Amino acid sequence: MKRRAARQAAVQALYQIDIAKVDVDRAIAFVVEENNLSKVQEEFVIKLTTGVISNLSEIDGIIKDIALEWDIERMAAVDRNILRLALFEVCYSTEVPPSVAANEAIELGKIFSTSDSGRFINGILGKVLANPEQYRKVESETGV
């Protein structure tokens, strides 16, 4: 399964929901169709997108706690939504190791945003990864 393609689609859906206030189901259906995703990829997009939306206030709280000099609403929308996706994977999911989720987010920043986005995203996620017990909401199989 190509999870990066599903993550890209999830970022696109989150962006639509955030900026255009598109309904969650409609945004997901659109990106799945536009990206010609498989059923397995579609399920992953649904899990990621609905997971972010379900935990949005807590995820945004993490961003606000770490990015003290940045107003979350003034961040580049694509960077904000990449961070939301990565923080969902790092803090609320055990499907991938946190370092993998962080690396994927940095790559998404390079694809969708500016050349500085990777460093910005890495800086915020690095603080979460340096202190996972403060931010993690689920126990992984390794107890992290």
C-alpha atoms as a PDB file:
ATOM      1  CA  MET A   1       0.000   0.000   0.000  1.00  0.00           C
ATOM      2  CA  LYS A   2       1.229   3.451  -0.829  1.00  0.00           C
ATOM      3  CA  ARG A   3       0.668   5.281   2.434  1.00  0.00           C
ATOM      4  CA  ARG A   4       2.375   8.469   1.249  1.00  0.00           C
ATOM      5  CA  ALA A   5      -0.299   8.896  -1.430  1.00  0.00           C
ATOM      6  CA  ALA A   6      -2.970   8.424   1.230  1.00  0.00           C
ATOM      7  CA  ARG A   7      -1.250  10.959   3.513  1.00  0.00           C
ATOM      8  CA  GLN A   8      -1.082  13.423   0.644  1.00  0.00           C
ATOM      9  CA  ALA A   9      -4.793  12.957   0.034  1.00  0.00           C
ATOM     10  CA  ALA A  10      -5.519  13.366   3.761  1.00  0.00           C
ATOM     11  CA  VAL A  11      -3.605  16.670   3.790  1.00  0.00           C
ATOM     12  CA  GLN A  12      -5.611  17.792   0.779  1.00  0.00           C
ATOM     13  CA  ALA A  13      -8.868  16.865   2.528  1.00  0.00           C
ATOM     14  CA  LEU A  14      -7.824  18.612   5.745  1.00  0.00           C
ATOM     15  CA  TYR A  15      -6.894  21.708   3.758  1.00  0.00           C
ATOM     16  CA  GLN A  16     -10.337  21.777   2.102  1.00  0.00           C
ATOM     17  CA  ILE A  17     -12.052  21.334   5.453  1.00  0.00           C
ATOM     18  CA  ASP A  18      -9.899  24.025   7.068  1.00  0.00           C
ATOM     19  CA  ILE A  19      -9.922  26.685   4.359  1.00  0.00           C
ATOM     20  CA  ALA A  20     -13.112  26.124   2.367  1.00  0.00           C
ATOM     21  CA  LYS A  21     -15.122  24.642   5.255  1.00  0.00           C
ATOM     22  CA  VAL A  22     -16.007  21.656   3.062  1.00  0.00           C
ATOM     23  CA  ASP A  23     -17.894  18.837   4.782  1.00  0.00           C
ATOM     24  CA  VAL A  24     -15.544  16.072   5.963  1.00  0.00           C
ATOM     25  CA  ASP A  25     -17.190  13.271   3.964  1.00  0.00           C
ATOM     26  CA  ARG A  26     -17.313  15.401   0.822  1.00  0.00           C
ATOM     27  CA  ALA A  27     -13.663  16.415   1.130  1.00  0.00           C
ATOM     28  CA  ILE A  28     -12.599  12.790   1.594  1.00  0.00           C
ATOM     29  CA  ALA A  29     -14.702  11.577  -1.343  1.00  0.00           C
ATOM     30  CA  PHE A  30     -13.241  14.272  -3.573  1.00  0.00           C
ATOM     31  CA  VAL A  31      -9.586  13.550  -2.781  1.00  0.00           C
ATOM     32  CA  VAL A  32     -10.060   9.794  -3.019  1.00  0.00           C
ATOM     33  CA  GLU A  33     -11.589  10.160  -6.473  1.00  0.00           C
ATOM     34  CA  GLU A  34      -9.087  12.779  -7.666  1.00  0.00           C
ATOM     35  CA  ASN A  35      -6.113  10.697  -6.532  1.00  0.00           C
ATOM     36  CA  ASN A  36      -7.580   7.406  -7.784  1.00  0.00           C
ATOM     37  CA  LEU A  37      -6.868   5.688  -4.469  1.00  0.00           C
ATOM     38  CA  SER A  38      -7.408   2.024  -3.699  1.00  0.00           C
ATOM     39  CA  LYS A  39      -9.931   0.892  -1.106  1.00  0.00           C
ATOM     40  CA  VAL A  40      -7.140   0.331   1.437  1.00  0.00           C
ATOM     41  CA  GLN A  41      -5.753   3.820   0.785  1.00  0.00           C
ATOM     42  CA  GLU A  42      -9.262   5.288   1.048  1.00  0.00           C
ATOM     43  CA  GLU A  43      -9.710   3.644   4.455  1.00  0.00           C
ATOM     44  CA  PHE A  44      -6.391   5.124   5.597  1.00  0.00           C
ATOM     45  CA  VAL A  45      -7.434   8.596   4.366  1.00  0.00           C
ATOM     46  CA  ILE A  46     -10.702   8.270   6.277  1.00  0.00           C
ATOM     47  CA  LYS A  47      -8.892   7.157   9.444  1.00  0.00           C
ATOM     48  CA  LEU A  48      -6.369  10.001   9.250  1.00  0.00           C
ATOM     49  CA  THR A  49      -8.805  12.755   8.315  1.00  0.00           C
ATOM     50  CA  THR A  50     -11.531  11.831  10.782  1.00  0.00           C
ATOM     51  CA  GLY A  51      -8.909  11.207  13.470  1.00  0.00           C
ATOM     52  CA  VAL A  52      -7.524  14.708  13.048  1.00  0.00           C
ATOM     53  CA  ILE A  53     -10.975  16.291  13.016  1.00  0.00           C
ATOM     54  CA  SER A  54     -12.105  14.304  16.081  1.00  0.00           C
ATOM     55  CA  ASN A  55      -9.064  15.462  18.059  1.00  0.00           C
ATOM     56  CA  LEU A  56      -8.612  18.881  16.466  1.00  0.00           C
ATOM     57  CA  SER A  57      -8.818  21.027  19.584  1.00  0.00           C
ATOM     58  CA  GLU A  58      -6.260  18.880  21.439  1.00  0.00           C
ATOM     59  CA  ILE A  59      -3.961  18.701  18.413  1.00  0.00           C
ATOM     60  CA  ASP A  60      -4.149  22.460  17.933  1.00  0.00           C
ATOM     61  CA  GLY A  61      -3.418  22.833  21.643  1.00  0.00           C
ATOM     62  CA  ILE A  62      -0.196  20.870  21.193  1.00  0.00           C
ATOM     63  CA  ILE A  63       0.810  23.116  18.292  1.00  0.00           C
ATOM     64  CA  LYS A  64       0.041  26.232  20.340  1.00  0.00           C
ATOM     65  CA  ASP A  65       2.045  24.910  23.301  1.00  0.00           C
ATOM     66  CA  ILE A  66       5.106  24.307  21.162  1.00  0.00           C
ATOM     67  CA  ALA A  67       4.954  27.062  18.555  1.00  0.00           C
ATOM     68  CA  LEU A  68       4.827  29.872  21.091  1.00  0.00           C
ATOM     69  CA  GLU A  69       5.751  32.621  18.667  1.00  0.00           C
ATOM     70  CA  TRP A  70       3.300  31.453  16.002  1.00  0.00           C
ATOM     71  CA  ASP A  71      -0.432  32.104  15.990  1.00  0.00           C
ATOM     72  CA  ILE A  72      -1.869  28.866  14.612  1.00  0.00           C
ATOM     73  CA  GLU A  73      -4.356  30.767  12.441  1.00  0.00           C
ATOM     74  CA  ARG A  74      -1.535  32.757  10.857  1.00  0.00           C
ATOM     75  CA  MET A  75       0.569  29.698   9.990  1.00  0.00           C
ATOM     76  CA  ALA A  76       0.563  28.667   6.368  1.00  0.00           C
ATOM     77  CA  ALA A  77      -2.601  26.580   6.063  1.00  0.00           C
ATOM     78  CA  VAL A  78      -0.834  23.692   4.401  1.00  0.00           C
ATOM     79  CA  ASP A  79       1.849  23.588   7.129  1.00  0.00           C
ATOM     80  CA  ARG A  80      -0.822  23.727   9.826  1.00  0.00           C
ATOM     81  CA  ASN A  81      -2.654  20.767   8.310  1.00  0.00           C
ATOM     82  CA  ILE A  82       0.509  18.730   7.764  1.00  0.00           C
ATOM     83  CA  LEU A  83       1.338  19.274  11.437  1.00  0.00           C
ATOM     84  CA  ARG A  84      -2.171  18.253  12.449  1.00  0.00           C
ATOM     85  CA  LEU A  85      -1.879  15.038  10.451  1.00  0.00           C
ATOM     86  CA  ALA A  86       1.562  14.206  11.835  1.00  0.00           C
ATOM     87  CA  LEU A  87       0.535  14.958  15.403  1.00  0.00           C
ATOM     88  CA  PHE A  88      -2.482  12.690  15.019  1.00  0.00           C
ATOM     89  CA  GLU A  89      -0.201   9.865  13.863  1.00  0.00           C
ATOM     90  CA  VAL A  90       2.388  10.539  16.569  1.00  0.00           C
ATOM     91  CA  CYS A  91       0.035  11.127  19.499  1.00  0.00           C
ATOM     92  CA  TYR A  92      -3.122   9.155  18.716  1.00  0.00           C
ATOM     93  CA  SER A  93      -2.076   6.205  16.562  1.00  0.00           C
ATOM     94  CA  THR A  94       0.261   3.249  16.904  1.00  0.00           C
ATOM     95  CA  GLU A  95       0.271   2.198  13.232  1.00  0.00           C
ATOM     96  CA  VAL A  96       3.674   3.726  12.492  1.00  0.00           C
ATOM     97  CA  PRO A  97       6.587   4.684  14.706  1.00  0.00           C
ATOM     98  CA  PRO A  98       6.519   8.397  15.639  1.00  0.00           C
ATOM     99  CA  SER A  99       9.786   9.009  13.777  1.00  0.00           C
ATOM    100  CA  VAL A 100       8.234   7.651  10.565  1.00  0.00           C
ATOM    101  CA  ALA A 101       5.215   9.937  10.940  1.00  0.00           C
ATOM    102  CA  ALA A 102       7.559  12.893  11.490  1.00  0.00           C
ATOM    103  CA  ASN A 103       9.665  12.029   8.448  1.00  0.00           C
ATOM    104  CA  GLU A 104       6.552  11.663   6.314  1.00  0.00           C
ATOM    105  CA  ALA A 105       5.335  15.084   7.490  1.00  0.00           C
ATOM    106  CA  ILE A 106       8.649  16.687   6.568  1.00  0.00           C
ATOM    107  CA  GLU A 107       8.395  15.154   3.088  1.00  0.00           C
ATOM    108  CA  LEU A 108       4.810  16.387   2.747  1.00  0.00           C
ATOM    109  CA  GLY A 109       6.003  19.870   3.638  1.00  0.00           C
ATOM    110  CA  LYS A 110       8.578  19.695   0.861  1.00  0.00           C
ATOM    111  CA  ILE A 111       5.914  18.535  -1.613  1.00  0.00           C
ATOM    112  CA  PHE A 112       3.097  20.920  -0.723  1.00  0.00           C
ATOM    113  CA  SER A 113       4.732  23.973   0.804  1.00  0.00           C
ATOM    114  CA  THR A 114       7.898  26.038   0.771  1.00  0.00           C
ATOM    115  CA  SER A 115      11.515  25.009   1.124  1.00  0.00           C
ATOM    116  CA  ASP A 116      11.428  26.252   4.749  1.00  0.00           C
ATOM    117  CA  SER A 117       8.417  24.133   5.689  1.00  0.00           C
ATOM    118  CA  GLY A 118      10.428  20.993   6.299  1.00  0.00           C
ATOM    119  CA  ARG A 119      12.542  22.752   8.928  1.00  0.00           C
ATOM    120  CA  PHE A 120       9.487  24.367  10.537  1.00  0.00           C
ATOM    121  CA  ILE A 121       7.588  21.067  10.705  1.00  0.00           C
ATOM    122  CA  ASN A 122      10.689  19.238  11.936  1.00  0.00           C
ATOM    123  CA  GLY A 123      11.206  21.801  14.693  1.00  0.00           C
ATOM    124  CA  ILE A 124       7.717  21.370  16.090  1.00  0.00           C
ATOM    125  CA  LEU A 125       7.581  17.597  15.735  1.00  0.00           C
ATOM    126  CA  GLY A 126      11.098  17.288  17.154  1.00  0.00           C
ATOM    127  CA  LYS A 127       9.882  18.820  20.413  1.00  0.00           C
ATOM    128  CA  VAL A 128       7.054  16.301  20.603  1.00  0.00           C
ATOM    129  CA  LEU A 129       9.380  13.388  19.834  1.00  0.00           C
ATOM    130  CA  ALA A 130      11.866  14.616  22.457  1.00  0.00           C
ATOM    131  CA  ASN A 131       9.183  14.462  25.143  1.00  0.00           C
ATOM    132  CA  PRO A 132       6.649  11.864  23.949  1.00  0.00           C
ATOM    133  CA  GLU A 133       5.175  11.052  27.353  1.00  0.00           C
ATOM    134  CA  GLN A 134       3.889  14.615  27.592  1.00  0.00           C
ATOM    135  CA  TYR A 135       2.007  14.438  24.283  1.00  0.00           C
ATOM    136  CA  ARG A 136       1.226  10.810  23.485  1.00  0.00           C
ATOM    137  CA  LYS A 137      -2.443   9.907  23.969  1.00  0.00           C
ATOM    138  CA  VAL A 138      -2.193   6.158  23.333  1.00  0.00           C
ATOM    139  CA  GLU A 139       0.196   3.464  24.481  1.00  0.00           C
ATOM    140  CA  SER A 140       2.169   1.783  21.724  1.00  0.00           C
ATOM    141  CA  GLU A 141       3.080  -1.865  21.735  1.00  0.00           C
ATOM    142  CA  THR A 142       6.550  -0.878  22.971  1.00  0.00           C
ATOM    143  CA  GLY A 143       5.164   1.151  25.840  1.00  0.00           C
ATOM    144  CA  VAL A 144       6.149   4.528  24.353  1.00  0.00           C
END
